[in-house]
N, C-alpha and C. Protein backbone atom coordinates (compact mmCIF):
# COMPACT_ATOMS: atom_id res chain seq x y z
N MET A 1 92.85 238.12 210.26
CA MET A 1 93.95 237.46 209.58
C MET A 1 95.07 237.18 210.58
N TYR A 2 95.59 235.98 210.52
CA TYR A 2 96.69 235.60 211.39
C TYR A 2 98.01 236.14 210.87
N PRO A 3 98.93 236.43 211.78
CA PRO A 3 100.26 236.85 211.33
C PRO A 3 101.10 235.64 210.91
N LEU A 4 102.33 235.59 211.33
CA LEU A 4 103.33 234.64 210.87
C LEU A 4 102.77 233.24 210.62
N LYS A 5 103.22 232.64 209.54
CA LYS A 5 102.79 231.30 209.17
C LYS A 5 104.01 230.40 209.09
N LEU A 6 103.86 229.18 209.62
CA LEU A 6 104.94 228.19 209.59
C LEU A 6 104.44 226.90 208.99
N LEU A 7 105.24 226.30 208.16
CA LEU A 7 105.02 224.95 207.69
C LEU A 7 106.30 224.21 208.03
N THR A 8 106.21 223.25 208.95
CA THR A 8 107.41 222.57 209.44
C THR A 8 107.39 221.10 209.05
N PHE A 9 108.59 220.58 208.84
CA PHE A 9 108.77 219.19 208.46
C PHE A 9 109.85 218.54 209.31
N LEU A 10 109.64 217.29 209.68
CA LEU A 10 110.71 216.47 210.24
C LEU A 10 111.30 215.75 209.04
N ALA A 11 112.46 216.19 208.63
CA ALA A 11 113.03 215.73 207.36
C ALA A 11 114.17 214.75 207.55
N GLU A 12 114.12 213.68 206.78
CA GLU A 12 115.28 212.79 206.69
C GLU A 12 116.40 213.53 205.99
N ARG A 13 116.00 214.33 204.98
CA ARG A 13 116.99 215.05 204.18
C ARG A 13 116.33 216.27 203.56
N PHE A 14 117.06 217.38 203.56
CA PHE A 14 116.64 218.59 202.85
C PHE A 14 117.88 219.17 202.20
N PHE A 15 117.82 219.34 200.89
CA PHE A 15 118.95 219.85 200.11
C PHE A 15 118.44 221.02 199.28
N TRP A 16 119.24 222.07 199.17
CA TRP A 16 118.85 223.21 198.34
C TRP A 16 120.01 223.71 197.51
N GLU A 17 119.64 224.32 196.39
CA GLU A 17 120.62 224.93 195.49
C GLU A 17 120.05 226.27 195.01
N PRO A 18 120.76 227.38 195.24
CA PRO A 18 120.28 228.68 194.79
C PRO A 18 120.02 228.67 193.28
N PHE A 19 118.92 229.31 192.90
CA PHE A 19 118.51 229.30 191.50
C PHE A 19 118.53 230.71 190.90
N SER A 20 117.82 231.65 191.53
CA SER A 20 117.81 233.02 191.01
C SER A 20 117.63 234.02 192.15
N GLN A 21 118.28 235.14 191.99
CA GLN A 21 118.24 236.19 193.01
C GLN A 21 116.91 236.94 192.91
N THR A 22 116.27 237.18 194.08
CA THR A 22 114.98 237.87 194.10
C THR A 22 115.05 239.25 194.76
N LEU A 23 116.08 239.49 195.56
CA LEU A 23 116.27 240.79 196.19
C LEU A 23 117.57 241.39 195.71
N GLU A 24 117.52 242.66 195.34
CA GLU A 24 118.71 243.34 194.81
C GLU A 24 119.90 243.31 195.76
N ASP A 25 119.63 243.45 197.05
CA ASP A 25 120.72 243.52 198.03
C ASP A 25 121.06 242.16 198.66
N ALA A 26 120.60 241.08 198.06
CA ALA A 26 120.92 239.74 198.57
C ALA A 26 122.41 239.46 198.36
N ILE A 27 122.92 238.53 199.16
CA ILE A 27 124.33 238.14 199.03
C ILE A 27 124.57 237.54 197.65
N GLU A 28 125.85 237.50 197.24
CA GLU A 28 126.19 236.87 195.96
C GLU A 28 125.79 235.40 196.02
N MET A 29 125.69 234.79 194.85
CA MET A 29 125.19 233.43 194.80
C MET A 29 125.93 232.51 195.77
N PRO A 30 125.22 232.01 196.77
CA PRO A 30 125.84 231.11 197.73
C PRO A 30 125.91 229.68 197.19
N ALA A 31 126.64 228.84 197.89
CA ALA A 31 126.78 227.45 197.49
C ALA A 31 125.54 226.65 197.87
N ALA A 32 125.36 225.54 197.21
CA ALA A 32 124.30 224.59 197.58
C ALA A 32 124.65 224.01 198.95
N ASP A 33 123.64 223.54 199.66
CA ASP A 33 123.87 222.98 200.99
C ASP A 33 122.70 222.08 201.34
N GLY A 34 122.74 221.50 202.52
CA GLY A 34 121.66 220.64 202.96
C GLY A 34 121.87 220.17 204.37
N ALA A 35 120.90 219.38 204.84
CA ALA A 35 120.96 218.84 206.20
C ALA A 35 120.19 217.52 206.24
N GLU A 36 120.58 216.67 207.17
CA GLU A 36 119.87 215.41 207.41
C GLU A 36 119.33 215.41 208.82
N ASP A 37 118.25 214.65 209.02
CA ASP A 37 117.59 214.58 210.33
C ASP A 37 117.44 215.97 210.92
N ALA A 38 116.60 216.76 210.28
CA ALA A 38 116.45 218.17 210.63
C ALA A 38 114.99 218.58 210.68
N VAL A 39 114.72 219.57 211.51
CA VAL A 39 113.44 220.26 211.44
C VAL A 39 113.61 221.32 210.36
N VAL A 40 112.80 221.24 209.33
CA VAL A 40 112.84 222.21 208.24
C VAL A 40 111.64 223.14 208.44
N VAL A 41 111.93 224.43 208.52
CA VAL A 41 110.91 225.43 208.84
C VAL A 41 110.73 226.36 207.64
N PHE A 42 109.58 226.24 206.97
CA PHE A 42 109.20 227.20 205.95
C PHE A 42 108.36 228.25 206.67
N PHE A 43 108.71 229.50 206.54
CA PHE A 43 107.94 230.52 207.24
C PHE A 43 107.69 231.73 206.36
N GLN A 44 106.58 232.38 206.64
CA GLN A 44 106.24 233.64 206.00
C GLN A 44 105.97 234.64 207.10
N ILE A 45 106.74 235.71 207.12
CA ILE A 45 106.53 236.78 208.07
C ILE A 45 105.63 237.80 207.39
N GLU A 46 104.53 238.12 208.05
CA GLU A 46 103.53 238.99 207.45
C GLU A 46 103.66 240.43 207.93
N ALA A 47 103.04 241.33 207.20
CA ALA A 47 103.09 242.76 207.53
C ALA A 47 102.64 243.01 208.96
N LYS A 48 101.63 242.29 209.42
CA LYS A 48 101.12 242.46 210.78
C LYS A 48 102.18 242.16 211.83
N ASP A 49 103.13 241.29 211.52
CA ASP A 49 104.18 240.91 212.48
C ASP A 49 105.11 242.07 212.80
N GLN A 50 105.09 243.09 211.97
CA GLN A 50 105.95 244.26 212.19
C GLN A 50 105.44 245.17 213.29
N GLN A 51 104.20 244.98 213.71
CA GLN A 51 103.64 245.81 214.77
C GLN A 51 104.39 245.56 216.07
N GLU A 52 104.67 246.63 216.78
CA GLU A 52 105.47 246.57 218.00
C GLU A 52 104.90 245.61 219.04
N ASP A 53 103.59 245.53 219.15
CA ASP A 53 102.97 244.65 220.14
C ASP A 53 102.83 243.21 219.66
N VAL A 54 103.02 242.96 218.38
CA VAL A 54 102.85 241.62 217.82
C VAL A 54 104.19 240.87 217.72
N ARG A 55 105.23 241.54 217.27
CA ARG A 55 106.51 240.88 217.00
C ARG A 55 107.04 240.03 218.15
N PRO A 56 107.13 240.55 219.39
CA PRO A 56 107.69 239.72 220.47
C PRO A 56 106.90 238.44 220.73
N LYS A 57 105.58 238.52 220.64
CA LYS A 57 104.73 237.34 220.87
C LYS A 57 104.94 236.30 219.78
N VAL A 58 104.94 236.77 218.55
CA VAL A 58 105.11 235.87 217.41
C VAL A 58 106.50 235.23 217.44
N PHE A 59 107.51 236.02 217.75
CA PHE A 59 108.88 235.50 217.81
C PHE A 59 108.98 234.40 218.87
N LYS A 60 108.45 234.65 220.05
CA LYS A 60 108.52 233.68 221.15
C LYS A 60 107.79 232.39 220.79
N LYS A 61 106.59 232.50 220.22
CA LYS A 61 105.82 231.31 219.84
C LYS A 61 106.54 230.52 218.76
N THR A 62 107.14 231.21 217.81
CA THR A 62 107.88 230.55 216.74
C THR A 62 109.06 229.78 217.30
N LEU A 63 109.83 230.43 218.15
CA LEU A 63 111.00 229.80 218.78
C LEU A 63 110.58 228.57 219.58
N LYS A 64 109.54 228.69 220.38
CA LYS A 64 109.07 227.57 221.21
C LYS A 64 108.59 226.41 220.34
N HIS A 65 107.87 226.72 219.26
CA HIS A 65 107.35 225.66 218.40
C HIS A 65 108.49 224.88 217.73
N ILE A 66 109.49 225.58 217.24
CA ILE A 66 110.62 224.91 216.59
C ILE A 66 111.36 224.02 217.58
N LYS A 67 111.62 224.52 218.77
CA LYS A 67 112.31 223.72 219.79
C LYS A 67 111.47 222.51 220.20
N TRP A 68 110.17 222.72 220.37
CA TRP A 68 109.26 221.63 220.74
C TRP A 68 109.32 220.51 219.69
N LEU A 69 109.24 220.90 218.43
CA LEU A 69 109.24 219.91 217.36
C LEU A 69 110.59 219.20 217.27
N ALA A 70 111.68 219.92 217.39
CA ALA A 70 113.02 219.31 217.37
C ALA A 70 113.17 218.31 218.50
N ASN A 71 112.67 218.63 219.67
CA ASN A 71 112.78 217.74 220.82
C ASN A 71 111.93 216.49 220.68
N LYS A 72 110.84 216.56 219.94
CA LYS A 72 109.98 215.38 219.72
C LYS A 72 110.75 214.26 219.03
N LYS A 73 111.68 214.60 218.17
CA LYS A 73 112.44 213.61 217.41
C LYS A 73 113.91 213.61 217.84
N GLU A 74 114.24 214.41 218.86
CA GLU A 74 115.61 214.55 219.33
C GLU A 74 116.55 214.99 218.21
N PHE A 75 116.07 215.93 217.40
CA PHE A 75 116.87 216.49 216.32
C PHE A 75 117.65 217.69 216.84
N ASN A 76 118.88 217.80 216.40
CA ASN A 76 119.72 218.94 216.74
C ASN A 76 119.87 219.90 215.55
N ASN A 77 119.48 219.44 214.37
CA ASN A 77 119.63 220.23 213.14
C ASN A 77 118.32 220.93 212.79
N ILE A 78 118.45 222.19 212.43
CA ILE A 78 117.30 222.99 212.01
C ILE A 78 117.67 223.74 210.74
N VAL A 79 116.74 223.78 209.80
CA VAL A 79 116.93 224.56 208.57
C VAL A 79 115.78 225.57 208.49
N LEU A 80 116.14 226.83 208.31
CA LEU A 80 115.16 227.90 208.15
C LEU A 80 115.06 228.28 206.67
N HIS A 81 113.83 228.39 206.18
CA HIS A 81 113.61 228.73 204.78
C HIS A 81 112.50 229.78 204.70
N SER A 82 112.86 230.98 204.29
CA SER A 82 111.86 232.03 204.10
C SER A 82 111.05 231.69 202.85
N PHE A 83 109.75 231.53 203.04
CA PHE A 83 108.87 231.07 201.97
C PHE A 83 107.68 232.01 201.91
N ALA A 84 107.78 233.04 201.12
CA ALA A 84 106.79 234.11 201.10
C ALA A 84 105.55 233.76 200.28
N HIS A 85 105.17 232.49 200.27
CA HIS A 85 104.03 232.07 199.46
C HIS A 85 103.00 231.31 200.28
N LEU A 86 102.98 231.55 201.59
CA LEU A 86 102.05 230.84 202.45
C LEU A 86 100.76 231.62 202.68
N GLY A 87 100.61 232.75 202.02
CA GLY A 87 99.38 233.52 202.09
C GLY A 87 99.56 234.85 202.80
N GLY A 88 98.59 235.73 202.63
CA GLY A 88 98.61 237.00 203.34
C GLY A 88 99.52 238.03 202.70
N GLU A 89 99.81 239.07 203.47
CA GLU A 89 100.62 240.19 203.01
C GLU A 89 102.01 240.10 203.63
N ASN A 90 103.03 240.03 202.81
CA ASN A 90 104.41 239.89 203.29
C ASN A 90 104.88 241.11 204.06
N ALA A 91 105.72 240.86 205.06
CA ALA A 91 106.40 241.94 205.77
C ALA A 91 107.47 242.52 204.86
N ASP A 92 107.95 243.69 205.21
CA ASP A 92 109.08 244.30 204.54
C ASP A 92 110.26 243.33 204.57
N SER A 93 111.01 243.22 203.49
CA SER A 93 112.09 242.22 203.41
C SER A 93 113.18 242.46 204.46
N ALA A 94 113.50 243.69 204.79
CA ALA A 94 114.52 243.97 205.81
C ALA A 94 114.04 243.48 207.18
N PHE A 95 112.77 243.69 207.49
CA PHE A 95 112.21 243.21 208.75
C PHE A 95 112.23 241.68 208.79
N ALA A 96 111.81 241.06 207.70
CA ALA A 96 111.77 239.60 207.63
C ALA A 96 113.16 239.00 207.79
N GLU A 97 114.15 239.60 207.14
CA GLU A 97 115.52 239.08 207.25
C GLU A 97 116.05 239.24 208.67
N ALA A 98 115.79 240.35 209.32
CA ALA A 98 116.24 240.56 210.70
C ALA A 98 115.58 239.55 211.64
N PHE A 99 114.30 239.28 211.45
CA PHE A 99 113.57 238.30 212.25
C PHE A 99 114.21 236.92 212.08
N PHE A 100 114.45 236.58 210.83
CA PHE A 100 115.05 235.31 210.42
C PHE A 100 116.43 235.13 211.07
N LEU A 101 117.26 236.16 211.00
CA LEU A 101 118.62 236.06 211.55
C LEU A 101 118.61 236.00 213.08
N GLU A 102 117.69 236.72 213.71
CA GLU A 102 117.59 236.63 215.17
C GLU A 102 117.11 235.25 215.60
N LEU A 103 116.19 234.68 214.86
CA LEU A 103 115.71 233.33 215.15
C LEU A 103 116.87 232.33 215.05
N LYS A 104 117.66 232.45 214.01
CA LYS A 104 118.83 231.58 213.83
C LYS A 104 119.79 231.72 215.01
N GLU A 105 120.10 232.95 215.39
CA GLU A 105 121.03 233.20 216.50
C GLU A 105 120.51 232.63 217.81
N ARG A 106 119.25 232.82 218.10
CA ARG A 106 118.68 232.32 219.36
C ARG A 106 118.69 230.80 219.41
N LEU A 107 118.40 230.15 218.30
CA LEU A 107 118.44 228.69 218.26
C LEU A 107 119.86 228.18 218.44
N GLU A 108 120.82 228.83 217.81
CA GLU A 108 122.23 228.43 217.94
C GLU A 108 122.72 228.60 219.38
N ARG A 109 122.29 229.65 220.04
CA ARG A 109 122.71 229.87 221.43
C ARG A 109 122.22 228.78 222.37
N THR A 110 121.16 228.08 221.99
CA THR A 110 120.66 227.00 222.83
C THR A 110 121.14 225.63 222.35
N GLY A 111 122.13 225.62 221.45
CA GLY A 111 122.77 224.37 221.08
C GLY A 111 122.35 223.73 219.78
N TYR A 112 121.43 224.32 219.06
CA TYR A 112 121.02 223.75 217.78
C TYR A 112 122.01 224.13 216.69
N VAL A 113 122.15 223.24 215.71
CA VAL A 113 122.93 223.53 214.51
C VAL A 113 121.92 224.06 213.49
N VAL A 114 122.07 225.31 213.12
CA VAL A 114 121.07 225.96 212.27
C VAL A 114 121.69 226.34 210.93
N LYS A 115 121.04 225.89 209.87
CA LYS A 115 121.40 226.31 208.52
C LYS A 115 120.20 227.05 207.96
N HIS A 116 120.42 227.75 206.88
CA HIS A 116 119.29 228.41 206.24
C HIS A 116 119.54 228.53 204.75
N THR A 117 118.44 228.50 204.03
CA THR A 117 118.52 228.76 202.61
C THR A 117 118.84 230.25 202.46
N PRO A 118 119.45 230.65 201.36
CA PRO A 118 119.84 232.05 201.22
C PRO A 118 118.63 232.98 201.11
N PHE A 119 118.60 233.98 201.98
CA PHE A 119 117.52 234.97 201.97
C PHE A 119 117.68 235.84 200.72
N GLY A 120 116.59 236.03 200.00
CA GLY A 120 116.64 236.84 198.78
C GLY A 120 116.96 236.04 197.53
N TRP A 121 116.83 234.73 197.63
CA TRP A 121 117.09 233.84 196.49
C TRP A 121 115.97 232.81 196.38
N PHE A 122 115.56 232.50 195.14
CA PHE A 122 114.77 231.30 194.90
C PHE A 122 115.77 230.16 194.86
N SER A 123 115.37 229.03 195.39
CA SER A 123 116.24 227.86 195.37
C SER A 123 115.45 226.65 194.90
N SER A 124 116.13 225.76 194.22
CA SER A 124 115.54 224.45 193.98
C SER A 124 115.84 223.63 195.22
N TRP A 125 114.98 222.68 195.55
CA TRP A 125 115.27 221.86 196.72
C TRP A 125 114.68 220.47 196.61
N GLU A 126 115.27 219.59 197.40
CA GLU A 126 114.78 218.22 197.54
C GLU A 126 114.47 218.03 199.01
N LEU A 127 113.29 217.46 199.29
CA LEU A 127 112.85 217.27 200.66
C LEU A 127 112.32 215.86 200.83
N LYS A 128 112.91 215.12 201.76
CA LYS A 128 112.40 213.79 202.10
C LYS A 128 111.96 213.85 203.56
N VAL A 129 110.66 213.63 203.78
CA VAL A 129 110.05 213.80 205.09
C VAL A 129 109.70 212.45 205.69
N TYR A 130 109.84 212.35 207.01
CA TYR A 130 109.39 211.15 207.71
C TYR A 130 107.88 211.01 207.56
N GLY A 131 107.34 209.82 207.83
CA GLY A 131 105.95 209.52 207.53
C GLY A 131 104.91 209.89 208.57
N GLU A 132 105.29 209.98 209.85
CA GLU A 132 104.28 210.23 210.88
C GLU A 132 103.63 211.61 210.71
N SER A 133 102.44 211.76 211.27
CA SER A 133 101.70 213.01 211.08
C SER A 133 102.43 214.21 211.65
N LEU A 134 103.18 214.04 212.72
CA LEU A 134 103.93 215.14 213.33
C LEU A 134 105.05 215.63 212.41
N ALA A 135 105.36 214.86 211.38
CA ALA A 135 106.44 215.24 210.46
C ALA A 135 106.03 216.37 209.52
N LYS A 136 104.75 216.73 209.55
CA LYS A 136 104.24 217.80 208.69
C LYS A 136 103.27 218.64 209.52
N VAL A 137 103.71 219.80 209.96
CA VAL A 137 102.88 220.61 210.86
C VAL A 137 102.74 222.03 210.31
N TRP A 138 101.50 222.51 210.27
CA TRP A 138 101.18 223.88 209.84
C TRP A 138 100.77 224.68 211.07
N LYS A 139 101.28 225.90 211.22
CA LYS A 139 100.92 226.76 212.34
C LYS A 139 100.76 228.20 211.86
N ASP A 140 99.76 228.89 212.45
CA ASP A 140 99.64 230.35 212.32
C ASP A 140 99.87 230.89 213.73
N PHE A 141 100.61 231.97 213.84
CA PHE A 141 100.77 232.61 215.15
C PHE A 141 100.24 234.03 215.06
């Protein structure tokens, strides 16, 4: 079984609105938000990713893939969305959130504008994706 799963989109527009809280310790209901001309990253961090020898490799590959895709379209905007429905066994929520926040920080340090859907919330969303095949990419790391 592969660890971390990514479903990425080159989006003309991605808009989200928090719908219901799924984790008890999630932040209070955040505001709706969105981005245009963005790489939208749906990811599922799996239990296997928590292994000490797996996490650094998966993190590096994820970071490189997102940057590679953003550079293909010269996008500066990235949206991260934790999507625990891509298969397999989910990682602990605290581990997944820490991974998610570190990914956001590392992307921001290299000049990307990074937004994210609220961790621990279901959200409704609207997604408009560009048409080329690279606009929809699935990866397992």
